[in-house]
Amino acid sequence: MNLGGGYYSEDELHAAGFRHVGKNVKIHNRASLYVVENMSIGDNVRIDDFTVIIASGSVEIGSFVEICTHCFLGGTFGITIADFCTLAPGVKLFSASDDYSGNMLTNPTTPADLRGGTHGKVTLEKHVIIGAGSIVLPGCTVGIGSSIGALSLVKSSLAPWGIYAGIPVGRKAQRSKKVLELETIVAQRRLDGQKP
């Protein structure tokens, strides 16, 4: 008996209609993925239970990516997650947001010409890690190698190799680039036919 649910088989994933799905992809059967024909997923990816991904726009997930439980990815205007990224539990990526001023209507049940808000593609470059409960707002790019502490709010793009935290986030320190050396080890293992 498996009380915690399970992951879809490779055959089930290939039959689901993704734009692309790589090797060794684990998607929990209690995750909710919408408009999968707009989703591309690389190799060695894990998407845990109770995650919601809405790919009404393009959603591209690289290789060696983990999306933990209870994450939300609203991809109406596009989301790209590059290789070696991690989203801790409860991370939210929004490529669109309603107008909160009261000058426009809100939510997709109202006429599009009467709605406001902001929108823009969200991009996480390689080796980004985002802590539990953090939020990234529309139009933001998180630079290569950056880390974002738990319960942080990203309202604008972040420079590479920073350690960020807070509401809104501020740069706290420089992040080590040793992960680039480790990435080359993973690449060599793959060339040698070893499991990463």
N, C-alpha and C. Protein backbone atom coordinates (compact mmCIF):
# COMPACT_ATOMS: atom_id res chain seq x y z
N MET A 1 0.85 -1.18 0.00
CA MET A 1 0.00 0.00 0.00
C MET A 1 0.89 1.25 0.00
N ASN A 2 0.60 2.18 -0.91
CA ASN A 2 1.37 3.41 -1.00
C ASN A 2 0.47 4.58 -0.57
N LEU A 3 0.55 4.95 0.70
CA LEU A 3 -0.33 5.97 1.24
C LEU A 3 -0.02 7.38 0.73
N GLY A 4 1.21 7.57 0.25
CA GLY A 4 1.61 8.91 -0.21
C GLY A 4 1.45 9.13 -1.69
N GLY A 5 0.71 8.26 -2.38
CA GLY A 5 0.58 8.41 -3.82
C GLY A 5 1.84 7.93 -4.52
N GLY A 6 1.99 8.26 -5.79
CA GLY A 6 3.14 7.80 -6.55
C GLY A 6 3.40 8.71 -7.74
N TYR A 7 4.37 8.30 -8.55
CA TYR A 7 4.77 9.08 -9.71
C TYR A 7 4.29 8.40 -10.99
N TYR A 8 3.97 9.19 -12.00
CA TYR A 8 3.55 8.65 -13.28
C TYR A 8 4.70 7.86 -13.91
N SER A 9 4.36 6.85 -14.67
CA SER A 9 5.36 6.07 -15.38
C SER A 9 5.85 6.85 -16.60
N GLU A 10 6.96 6.41 -17.15
CA GLU A 10 7.50 7.04 -18.35
C GLU A 10 6.49 6.94 -19.50
N ASP A 11 5.84 5.80 -19.63
CA ASP A 11 4.83 5.64 -20.69
C ASP A 11 3.67 6.61 -20.50
N GLU A 12 3.22 6.78 -19.28
CA GLU A 12 2.12 7.71 -19.00
C GLU A 12 2.52 9.14 -19.35
N LEU A 13 3.75 9.52 -19.01
CA LEU A 13 4.22 10.88 -19.31
C LEU A 13 4.32 11.11 -20.82
N HIS A 14 4.83 10.12 -21.54
CA HIS A 14 4.95 10.28 -23.00
C HIS A 14 3.60 10.31 -23.68
N ALA A 15 2.60 9.68 -23.09
CA ALA A 15 1.26 9.68 -23.67
C ALA A 15 0.45 10.93 -23.31
N ALA A 16 0.95 11.74 -22.37
CA ALA A 16 0.18 12.87 -21.85
C ALA A 16 0.10 14.05 -22.81
N GLY A 17 1.00 14.12 -23.79
CA GLY A 17 0.93 15.21 -24.78
C GLY A 17 1.84 16.39 -24.51
N PHE A 18 2.88 16.24 -23.67
CA PHE A 18 3.84 17.32 -23.45
C PHE A 18 4.52 17.71 -24.77
N ARG A 19 4.91 18.96 -24.89
CA ARG A 19 5.70 19.39 -26.05
C ARG A 19 7.00 18.59 -26.10
N HIS A 20 7.61 18.39 -24.91
CA HIS A 20 8.79 17.53 -24.78
C HIS A 20 8.86 17.06 -23.34
N VAL A 21 9.24 15.82 -23.15
CA VAL A 21 9.52 15.30 -21.81
C VAL A 21 10.76 14.42 -21.92
N GLY A 22 11.74 14.70 -21.05
CA GLY A 22 13.02 14.00 -21.11
C GLY A 22 13.03 12.68 -20.37
N LYS A 23 14.24 12.24 -20.05
CA LYS A 23 14.45 10.98 -19.35
C LYS A 23 14.48 11.21 -17.84
N ASN A 24 14.09 10.18 -17.11
CA ASN A 24 14.13 10.21 -15.65
C ASN A 24 13.34 11.39 -15.08
N VAL A 25 12.13 11.57 -15.59
CA VAL A 25 11.24 12.63 -15.11
C VAL A 25 10.23 12.01 -14.15
N LYS A 26 10.13 12.57 -12.98
CA LYS A 26 9.19 12.09 -11.95
C LYS A 26 8.17 13.19 -11.68
N ILE A 27 6.92 12.92 -12.05
CA ILE A 27 5.83 13.86 -11.76
C ILE A 27 4.82 13.12 -10.90
N HIS A 28 4.56 13.66 -9.73
CA HIS A 28 3.66 13.00 -8.79
C HIS A 28 2.23 13.01 -9.32
N ASN A 29 1.52 11.92 -9.06
CA ASN A 29 0.15 11.83 -9.60
C ASN A 29 -0.85 12.72 -8.86
N ARG A 30 -0.41 13.43 -7.85
CA ARG A 30 -1.28 14.43 -7.21
C ARG A 30 -0.87 15.86 -7.55
N ALA A 31 0.04 16.02 -8.52
CA ALA A 31 0.34 17.35 -9.06
C ALA A 31 -0.69 17.64 -10.13
N SER A 32 -0.98 18.93 -10.36
CA SER A 32 -1.96 19.33 -11.37
C SER A 32 -1.26 20.16 -12.43
N LEU A 33 -1.18 19.62 -13.64
CA LEU A 33 -0.53 20.29 -14.76
C LEU A 33 -1.57 20.54 -15.84
N TYR A 34 -1.68 21.80 -16.27
CA TYR A 34 -2.68 22.20 -17.25
C TYR A 34 -2.02 22.67 -18.53
N VAL A 35 -2.60 22.35 -19.66
CA VAL A 35 -2.14 22.71 -21.00
C VAL A 35 -0.71 22.20 -21.22
N VAL A 36 -0.53 20.89 -21.00
CA VAL A 36 0.81 20.29 -21.06
C VAL A 36 1.43 20.38 -22.45
N GLU A 37 0.62 20.58 -23.48
CA GLU A 37 1.20 20.72 -24.82
C GLU A 37 2.08 21.96 -24.94
N ASN A 38 1.99 22.88 -23.98
CA ASN A 38 2.86 24.07 -23.94
C ASN A 38 4.04 23.89 -23.00
N MET A 39 4.23 22.68 -22.47
CA MET A 39 5.30 22.43 -21.50
C MET A 39 6.42 21.60 -22.11
N SER A 40 7.64 22.01 -21.83
CA SER A 40 8.83 21.27 -22.20
C SER A 40 9.61 20.97 -20.93
N ILE A 41 9.97 19.69 -20.72
CA ILE A 41 10.65 19.27 -19.50
C ILE A 41 11.91 18.50 -19.89
N GLY A 42 13.05 18.88 -19.31
CA GLY A 42 14.32 18.22 -19.60
C GLY A 42 14.47 16.90 -18.87
N ASP A 43 15.71 16.47 -18.70
CA ASP A 43 16.02 15.21 -18.03
C ASP A 43 16.19 15.41 -16.53
N ASN A 44 15.96 14.34 -15.78
CA ASN A 44 16.21 14.35 -14.34
C ASN A 44 15.47 15.48 -13.63
N VAL A 45 14.16 15.47 -13.80
CA VAL A 45 13.29 16.49 -13.20
C VAL A 45 12.32 15.80 -12.26
N ARG A 46 12.06 16.45 -11.13
CA ARG A 46 11.06 15.93 -10.18
C ARG A 46 10.08 17.04 -9.83
N ILE A 47 8.78 16.72 -9.99
CA ILE A 47 7.70 17.65 -9.64
C ILE A 47 6.83 16.93 -8.62
N ASP A 48 6.78 17.47 -7.41
CA ASP A 48 6.12 16.79 -6.31
C ASP A 48 4.64 17.08 -6.20
N ASP A 49 3.99 16.36 -5.30
CA ASP A 49 2.54 16.43 -5.14
C ASP A 49 2.05 17.82 -4.72
N PHE A 50 0.83 18.09 -5.12
CA PHE A 50 0.09 19.33 -4.84
C PHE A 50 0.72 20.56 -5.49
N THR A 51 1.61 20.35 -6.43
CA THR A 51 2.11 21.45 -7.25
C THR A 51 1.11 21.70 -8.36
N VAL A 52 0.92 22.98 -8.72
CA VAL A 52 0.04 23.36 -9.82
C VAL A 52 0.87 24.13 -10.84
N ILE A 53 0.83 23.66 -12.09
CA ILE A 53 1.50 24.37 -13.19
C ILE A 53 0.47 24.63 -14.27
N ILE A 54 0.27 25.92 -14.58
CA ILE A 54 -0.67 26.32 -15.62
C ILE A 54 0.14 26.85 -16.79
N ALA A 55 0.15 26.09 -17.89
CA ALA A 55 0.98 26.43 -19.04
C ALA A 55 0.12 26.99 -20.17
N SER A 56 -0.70 27.99 -19.86
CA SER A 56 -1.47 28.63 -20.92
C SER A 56 -0.55 29.43 -21.84
N GLY A 57 0.66 29.73 -21.35
CA GLY A 57 1.77 30.22 -22.16
C GLY A 57 2.86 29.17 -22.08
N SER A 58 3.98 29.43 -22.69
CA SER A 58 5.08 28.46 -22.71
C SER A 58 5.71 28.30 -21.33
N VAL A 59 5.85 27.05 -20.89
CA VAL A 59 6.57 26.73 -19.65
C VAL A 59 7.69 25.77 -20.02
N GLU A 60 8.92 26.21 -19.80
CA GLU A 60 10.10 25.43 -20.13
C GLU A 60 10.87 25.12 -18.86
N ILE A 61 11.06 23.83 -18.59
CA ILE A 61 11.78 23.38 -17.40
C ILE A 61 13.00 22.62 -17.88
N GLY A 62 14.17 23.04 -17.45
CA GLY A 62 15.41 22.42 -17.88
C GLY A 62 15.65 21.07 -17.22
N SER A 63 16.91 20.66 -17.17
CA SER A 63 17.30 19.39 -16.58
C SER A 63 17.83 19.60 -15.16
N PHE A 64 17.74 18.52 -14.37
CA PHE A 64 18.18 18.55 -12.97
C PHE A 64 17.45 19.64 -12.18
N VAL A 65 16.13 19.64 -12.31
CA VAL A 65 15.28 20.62 -11.64
C VAL A 65 14.37 19.89 -10.66
N GLU A 66 14.23 20.46 -9.46
CA GLU A 66 13.26 19.95 -8.49
C GLU A 66 12.25 21.03 -8.18
N ILE A 67 10.97 20.67 -8.31
CA ILE A 67 9.87 21.55 -7.93
C ILE A 67 9.13 20.84 -6.81
N CYS A 68 9.33 21.33 -5.59
CA CYS A 68 8.80 20.65 -4.41
C CYS A 68 7.29 20.83 -4.27
N THR A 69 6.76 20.18 -3.29
CA THR A 69 5.32 20.16 -3.03
C THR A 69 4.73 21.56 -2.83
N HIS A 70 3.50 21.71 -3.25
CA HIS A 70 2.70 22.93 -3.06
C HIS A 70 3.24 24.17 -3.78
N CYS A 71 4.01 23.98 -4.84
CA CYS A 71 4.44 25.13 -5.64
C CYS A 71 3.34 25.51 -6.63
N PHE A 72 3.37 26.76 -7.10
CA PHE A 72 2.43 27.24 -8.11
C PHE A 72 3.21 27.97 -9.19
N LEU A 73 3.03 27.57 -10.44
CA LEU A 73 3.65 28.24 -11.57
C LEU A 73 2.55 28.69 -12.52
N GLY A 74 2.30 29.99 -12.56
CA GLY A 74 1.29 30.56 -13.44
C GLY A 74 1.96 31.05 -14.70
N GLY A 75 1.91 30.24 -15.76
CA GLY A 75 2.70 30.52 -16.95
C GLY A 75 1.98 31.19 -18.10
N THR A 76 0.97 32.00 -17.82
CA THR A 76 0.21 32.65 -18.89
C THR A 76 1.11 33.42 -19.85
N PHE A 77 2.10 34.12 -19.34
CA PHE A 77 3.01 34.91 -20.17
C PHE A 77 4.41 34.31 -20.23
N GLY A 78 4.54 33.05 -19.83
CA GLY A 78 5.79 32.32 -19.99
C GLY A 78 6.61 32.20 -18.73
N ILE A 79 7.16 31.01 -18.54
CA ILE A 79 8.10 30.73 -17.45
C ILE A 79 9.21 29.86 -18.01
N THR A 80 10.45 30.23 -17.73
CA THR A 80 11.60 29.39 -18.07
C THR A 80 12.39 29.12 -16.79
N ILE A 81 12.61 27.84 -16.52
CA ILE A 81 13.43 27.41 -15.39
C ILE A 81 14.61 26.66 -15.98
N ALA A 82 15.81 27.21 -15.85
CA ALA A 82 16.99 26.60 -16.45
C ALA A 82 17.48 25.42 -15.63
N ASP A 83 18.54 24.78 -16.09
CA ASP A 83 19.10 23.60 -15.44
C ASP A 83 19.56 23.87 -14.01
N PHE A 84 19.50 22.82 -13.19
CA PHE A 84 20.01 22.82 -11.82
C PHE A 84 19.31 23.83 -10.91
N CYS A 85 18.02 24.05 -11.13
CA CYS A 85 17.26 24.95 -10.26
C CYS A 85 16.43 24.15 -9.26
N THR A 86 16.16 24.76 -8.12
CA THR A 86 15.34 24.15 -7.08
C THR A 86 14.31 25.15 -6.59
N LEU A 87 13.04 24.70 -6.55
CA LEU A 87 11.97 25.47 -5.92
C LEU A 87 11.56 24.71 -4.67
N ALA A 88 11.80 25.29 -3.50
CA ALA A 88 11.43 24.67 -2.23
C ALA A 88 9.91 24.67 -2.08
N PRO A 89 9.38 23.97 -1.08
CA PRO A 89 7.92 23.89 -0.92
C PRO A 89 7.25 25.27 -0.88
N GLY A 90 6.13 25.37 -1.60
CA GLY A 90 5.30 26.56 -1.53
C GLY A 90 5.78 27.76 -2.32
N VAL A 91 6.76 27.60 -3.22
CA VAL A 91 7.22 28.72 -4.04
C VAL A 91 6.15 29.04 -5.09
N LYS A 92 5.95 30.33 -5.37
CA LYS A 92 4.97 30.79 -6.34
C LYS A 92 5.66 31.65 -7.40
N LEU A 93 5.48 31.28 -8.68
CA LEU A 93 5.99 32.08 -9.79
C LEU A 93 4.79 32.59 -10.58
N PHE A 94 4.63 33.90 -10.67
CA PHE A 94 3.50 34.51 -11.36
C PHE A 94 4.00 35.27 -12.59
N SER A 95 3.47 34.91 -13.77
CA SER A 95 3.79 35.69 -14.96
C SER A 95 2.70 36.73 -15.26
N ALA A 96 1.65 36.74 -14.45
CA ALA A 96 0.59 37.74 -14.58
C ALA A 96 0.01 38.03 -13.20
N SER A 97 -0.45 39.27 -13.03
CA SER A 97 -1.06 39.68 -11.77
C SER A 97 -2.18 40.67 -12.06
N ASP A 98 -3.24 40.60 -11.28
CA ASP A 98 -4.36 41.53 -11.44
C ASP A 98 -4.01 42.95 -11.00
N ASP A 99 -4.85 43.90 -11.39
CA ASP A 99 -4.77 45.29 -10.94
C ASP A 99 -5.48 45.39 -9.60
N TYR A 100 -4.80 45.83 -8.57
CA TYR A 100 -5.37 45.91 -7.23
C TYR A 100 -5.86 47.31 -6.87
N SER A 101 -5.77 48.27 -7.81
CA SER A 101 -6.12 49.66 -7.51
C SER A 101 -7.63 49.91 -7.46
N GLY A 102 -8.41 49.05 -8.09
CA GLY A 102 -9.85 49.28 -8.22
C GLY A 102 -10.21 49.98 -9.51
N ASN A 103 -9.21 50.33 -10.33
CA ASN A 103 -9.48 51.00 -11.61
C ASN A 103 -9.84 50.05 -12.73
N MET A 104 -9.59 48.77 -12.54
CA MET A 104 -9.88 47.76 -13.56
C MET A 104 -10.52 46.55 -12.88
N LEU A 105 -11.22 45.74 -13.69
CA LEU A 105 -11.77 44.50 -13.16
C LEU A 105 -10.63 43.49 -12.94
N THR A 106 -10.93 42.45 -12.18
CA THR A 106 -9.94 41.43 -11.89
C THR A 106 -10.46 40.06 -12.27
N ASN A 107 -9.58 39.13 -12.43
CA ASN A 107 -9.75 37.69 -12.64
C ASN A 107 -10.20 37.35 -14.05
N PRO A 108 -9.90 36.16 -14.52
CA PRO A 108 -10.15 35.80 -15.91
C PRO A 108 -11.61 35.57 -16.28
N THR A 109 -12.53 35.68 -15.34
CA THR A 109 -13.95 35.53 -15.69
C THR A 109 -14.55 36.84 -16.20
N THR A 110 -13.80 37.94 -16.12
CA THR A 110 -14.28 39.24 -16.59
C THR A 110 -13.72 39.53 -17.99
N PRO A 111 -14.34 40.45 -18.75
CA PRO A 111 -13.86 40.75 -20.10
C PRO A 111 -12.41 41.24 -20.10
N ALA A 112 -11.59 40.69 -21.00
CA ALA A 112 -10.16 40.99 -21.04
C ALA A 112 -9.88 42.48 -21.22
N ASP A 113 -10.71 43.19 -22.01
CA ASP A 113 -10.46 44.61 -22.26
C ASP A 113 -10.77 45.48 -21.05
N LEU A 114 -11.41 44.93 -20.02
CA LEU A 114 -11.73 45.69 -18.81
C LEU A 114 -10.86 45.29 -17.62
N ARG A 115 -9.89 44.41 -17.87
CA ARG A 115 -8.97 43.96 -16.81
C ARG A 115 -7.64 44.67 -16.94
N GLY A 116 -6.99 44.88 -15.82
CA GLY A 116 -5.66 45.48 -15.82
C GLY A 116 -4.64 44.52 -15.25
N GLY A 117 -3.61 45.07 -14.66
CA GLY A 117 -2.59 44.25 -14.03
C GLY A 117 -1.27 44.31 -14.77
N THR A 118 -0.36 43.49 -14.30
CA THR A 118 0.97 43.42 -14.91
C THR A 118 1.19 42.01 -15.43
N HIS A 119 2.07 41.91 -16.42
CA HIS A 119 2.42 40.60 -16.94
C HIS A 119 3.81 40.63 -17.54
N GLY A 120 4.42 39.48 -17.60
CA GLY A 120 5.74 39.35 -18.19
C GLY A 120 6.35 38.00 -17.83
N LYS A 121 7.17 37.51 -18.71
CA LYS A 121 7.81 36.21 -18.53
C LYS A 121 8.68 36.19 -17.28
N VAL A 122 8.65 35.07 -16.58
CA VAL A 122 9.53 34.84 -15.42
C VAL A 122 10.64 33.89 -15.87
N THR A 123 11.88 34.27 -15.60
CA THR A 123 13.03 33.45 -15.99
C THR A 123 13.91 33.19 -14.78
N LEU A 124 14.18 31.91 -14.53
CA LEU A 124 15.16 31.50 -13.53
C LEU A 124 16.35 30.94 -14.29
N GLU A 125 17.49 31.61 -14.19
CA GLU A 125 18.67 31.13 -14.88
C GLU A 125 19.30 29.96 -14.12
N LYS A 126 20.33 29.34 -14.67
CA LYS A 126 20.91 28.13 -14.08
C LYS A 126 21.33 28.33 -12.62
N HIS A 127 21.19 27.25 -11.86
CA HIS A 127 21.65 27.17 -10.48
C HIS A 127 20.94 28.13 -9.53
N VAL A 128 19.71 28.48 -9.84
CA VAL A 128 18.91 29.30 -8.92
C VAL A 128 18.21 28.38 -7.93
N ILE A 129 18.21 28.77 -6.67
CA ILE A 129 17.46 28.07 -5.64
C ILE A 129 16.59 29.09 -4.93
N ILE A 130 15.30 28.74 -4.78
CA ILE A 130 14.34 29.65 -4.15
C ILE A 130 13.76 28.98 -2.92
N GLY A 131 13.85 29.65 -1.77
CA GLY A 131 13.42 29.11 -0.49
C GLY A 131 11.91 29.04 -0.32
N ALA A 132 11.50 28.23 0.63
CA ALA A 132 10.09 27.92 0.89
C ALA A 132 9.24 29.18 1.05
N GLY A 133 8.07 29.16 0.40
CA GLY A 133 7.09 30.22 0.56
C GLY A 133 7.42 31.52 -0.15
N SER A 134 8.47 31.56 -0.96
CA SER A 134 8.83 32.79 -1.66
C SER A 134 7.97 33.00 -2.90
N ILE A 135 7.89 34.26 -3.33
CA ILE A 135 7.07 34.65 -4.47
C ILE A 135 7.91 35.44 -5.45
N VAL A 136 7.78 35.11 -6.74
CA VAL A 136 8.42 35.86 -7.82
C VAL A 136 7.31 36.44 -8.68
N LEU A 137 7.32 37.77 -8.86
CA LEU A 137 6.26 38.47 -9.59
C LEU A 137 6.57 38.59 -11.08
N PRO A 138 5.58 38.97 -11.88
CA PRO A 138 5.73 38.99 -13.34
C PRO A 138 6.92 39.82 -13.83
N GLY A 139 7.53 39.31 -14.91
CA GLY A 139 8.59 40.04 -15.59
C GLY A 139 9.96 39.94 -14.98
N CYS A 140 10.12 39.15 -13.94
CA CYS A 140 11.41 39.07 -13.24
C CYS A 140 12.31 38.00 -13.83
N THR A 141 13.60 38.32 -13.90
CA THR A 141 14.65 37.35 -14.21
C THR A 141 15.53 37.23 -12.99
N VAL A 142 15.72 35.99 -12.53
CA VAL A 142 16.63 35.74 -11.41
C VAL A 142 17.93 35.24 -12.03
N GLY A 143 19.00 36.03 -11.85
CA GLY A 143 20.27 35.77 -12.51
C GLY A 143 20.92 34.46 -12.09
N ILE A 144 21.78 33.96 -12.95
CA ILE A 144 22.47 32.70 -12.74
C ILE A 144 23.10 32.62 -11.34
N GLY A 145 22.91 31.48 -10.71
CA GLY A 145 23.56 31.21 -9.44
C GLY A 145 22.99 31.92 -8.24
N SER A 146 21.89 32.60 -8.37
CA SER A 146 21.34 33.34 -7.23
C SER A 146 20.51 32.43 -6.33
N SER A 147 20.51 32.76 -5.04
CA SER A 147 19.66 32.05 -4.09
C SER A 147 18.77 33.07 -3.40
N ILE A 148 17.54 32.62 -3.11
CA ILE A 148 16.54 33.49 -2.49
C ILE A 148 16.06 32.81 -1.22
N GLY A 149 16.18 33.49 -0.09
CA GLY A 149 15.79 32.93 1.20
C GLY A 149 14.29 32.72 1.31
N ALA A 150 13.90 31.90 2.25
CA ALA A 150 12.49 31.57 2.48
C ALA A 150 11.67 32.83 2.75
N LEU A 151 10.40 32.78 2.34
CA LEU A 151 9.42 33.84 2.59
C LEU A 151 9.84 35.19 2.04
N SER A 152 10.49 35.18 0.88
CA SER A 152 10.94 36.42 0.24
C SER A 152 10.01 36.81 -0.89
N LEU A 153 10.05 38.09 -1.28
CA LEU A 153 9.25 38.61 -2.37
C LEU A 153 10.17 39.24 -3.41
N VAL A 154 10.13 38.69 -4.62
CA VAL A 154 10.94 39.20 -5.73
C VAL A 154 10.04 40.05 -6.62
N LYS A 155 10.30 41.37 -6.63
CA LYS A 155 9.48 42.31 -7.40
C LYS A 155 10.18 42.81 -8.64
N SER A 156 11.50 42.58 -8.73
CA SER A 156 12.26 43.03 -9.89
C SER A 156 13.40 42.05 -10.13
N SER A 157 14.02 42.14 -11.30
CA SER A 157 15.06 41.19 -11.67
C SER A 157 16.26 41.28 -10.72
N LEU A 158 16.94 40.13 -10.56
CA LEU A 158 18.06 40.03 -9.62
C LEU A 158 19.35 39.71 -10.37
N ALA A 159 20.44 40.35 -9.96
CA ALA A 159 21.74 40.13 -10.57
C ALA A 159 22.27 38.73 -10.24
N PRO A 160 23.17 38.20 -11.06
CA PRO A 160 23.71 36.86 -10.84
C PRO A 160 24.51 36.74 -9.54
N TRP A 161 24.58 35.50 -9.05
CA TRP A 161 25.44 35.07 -7.96
C TRP A 161 25.24 35.85 -6.66
N GLY A 162 24.00 36.20 -6.39
CA GLY A 162 23.70 36.87 -5.12
C GLY A 162 22.94 35.95 -4.19
N ILE A 163 23.06 36.23 -2.91
CA ILE A 163 22.21 35.62 -1.90
C ILE A 163 21.24 36.71 -1.48
N TYR A 164 19.94 36.45 -1.72
CA TYR A 164 18.91 37.45 -1.52
C TYR A 164 17.90 36.97 -0.47
N ALA A 165 17.30 37.92 0.25
CA ALA A 165 16.23 37.59 1.20
C ALA A 165 15.47 38.86 1.54
N GLY A 166 14.23 38.68 2.00
CA GLY A 166 13.45 39.81 2.51
C GLY A 166 12.22 40.12 1.67
N ILE A 167 11.46 41.12 2.17
CA ILE A 167 10.24 41.59 1.51
C ILE A 167 10.35 43.10 1.35
N PRO A 168 10.65 43.62 0.14
CA PRO A 168 11.13 42.87 -1.02
C PRO A 168 12.57 42.41 -0.80
N VAL A 169 13.05 41.54 -1.68
CA VAL A 169 14.39 40.98 -1.49
C VAL A 169 15.46 42.05 -1.59
N GLY A 170 16.50 41.83 -0.83
CA GLY A 170 17.71 42.64 -0.92
C GLY A 170 18.89 41.69 -1.00
N ARG A 171 19.95 42.14 -1.62
CA ARG A 171 21.17 41.32 -1.75
C ARG A 171 21.91 41.31 -0.42
N LYS A 172 22.16 40.12 0.10
CA LYS A 172 22.80 39.98 1.40
C LYS A 172 24.28 39.62 1.28
N ALA A 173 24.64 38.85 0.26
CA ALA A 173 26.02 38.39 0.11
C ALA A 173 26.24 37.86 -1.30
N GLN A 174 27.49 37.55 -1.60
CA GLN A 174 27.87 36.89 -2.86
C GLN A 174 27.73 35.39 -2.66
N ARG A 175 27.21 34.69 -3.65
CA ARG A 175 27.08 33.23 -3.58
C ARG A 175 28.28 32.58 -4.25
N SER A 176 28.72 31.45 -3.71
CA SER A 176 29.85 30.70 -4.26
C SER A 176 29.52 30.19 -5.66
N LYS A 177 30.56 30.10 -6.50
CA LYS A 177 30.41 29.57 -7.85
C LYS A 177 30.89 28.13 -7.95
N LYS A 178 31.12 27.48 -6.84
CA LYS A 178 31.59 26.09 -6.85
C LYS A 178 30.61 25.16 -7.56
N VAL A 179 29.33 25.52 -7.58
CA VAL A 179 28.33 24.68 -8.27
C VAL A 179 28.68 24.51 -9.74
N LEU A 180 29.41 25.46 -10.34
CA LEU A 180 29.80 25.34 -11.75
C LEU A 180 30.79 24.19 -11.93
N GLU A 181 31.71 24.01 -10.97
CA GLU A 181 32.64 22.89 -11.00
C GLU A 181 31.88 21.57 -10.86
N LEU A 182 30.92 21.55 -9.95
CA LEU A 182 30.15 20.32 -9.72
C LEU A 182 29.29 19.98 -10.94
N GLU A 183 28.82 21.00 -11.63
CA GLU A 183 28.04 20.76 -12.85
C GLU A 183 28.88 20.02 -13.89
N THR A 184 30.16 20.35 -14.01
CA THR A 184 31.02 19.66 -14.98
C THR A 184 31.20 18.19 -14.61
N ILE A 185 31.20 17.87 -13.33
CA ILE A 185 31.29 16.47 -12.91
C ILE A 185 30.04 15.71 -13.35
N VAL A 186 28.87 16.32 -13.17
CA VAL A 186 27.62 15.69 -13.60
C VAL A 186 27.65 15.46 -15.11
N ALA A 187 28.11 16.46 -15.86
CA ALA A 187 28.17 16.33 -17.32
C ALA A 187 29.11 15.19 -17.72
N GLN A 188 30.25 15.08 -17.08
CA GLN A 188 31.20 14.01 -17.40
C GLN A 188 30.60 12.64 -17.08
N ARG A 189 29.92 12.54 -15.96
CA ARG A 189 29.28 11.27 -15.61
C ARG A 189 28.25 10.85 -16.66
N ARG A 190 27.51 11.83 -17.16
CA ARG A 190 26.52 11.52 -18.20
C ARG A 190 27.20 11.03 -19.47
N LEU A 191 28.33 11.67 -19.85
CA LEU A 191 29.07 11.24 -21.02
C LEU A 191 29.63 9.83 -20.85
N ASP A 192 30.01 9.51 -19.62
CA ASP A 192 30.54 8.18 -19.31
C ASP A 192 29.46 7.13 -19.13
N GLY A 193 28.19 7.53 -19.28
CA GLY A 193 27.09 6.60 -19.14
C GLY A 193 26.72 6.26 -17.71
N GLN A 194 27.25 7.03 -16.75
CA GLN A 194 26.89 6.80 -15.34
C GLN A 194 25.60 7.53 -15.02
N LYS A 195 24.92 7.04 -14.01
CA LYS A 195 23.74 7.76 -13.52
C LYS A 195 24.22 8.97 -12.74
N PRO A 196 23.70 10.16 -13.04
CA PRO A 196 24.14 11.38 -12.34
C PRO A 196 23.92 11.34 -10.85
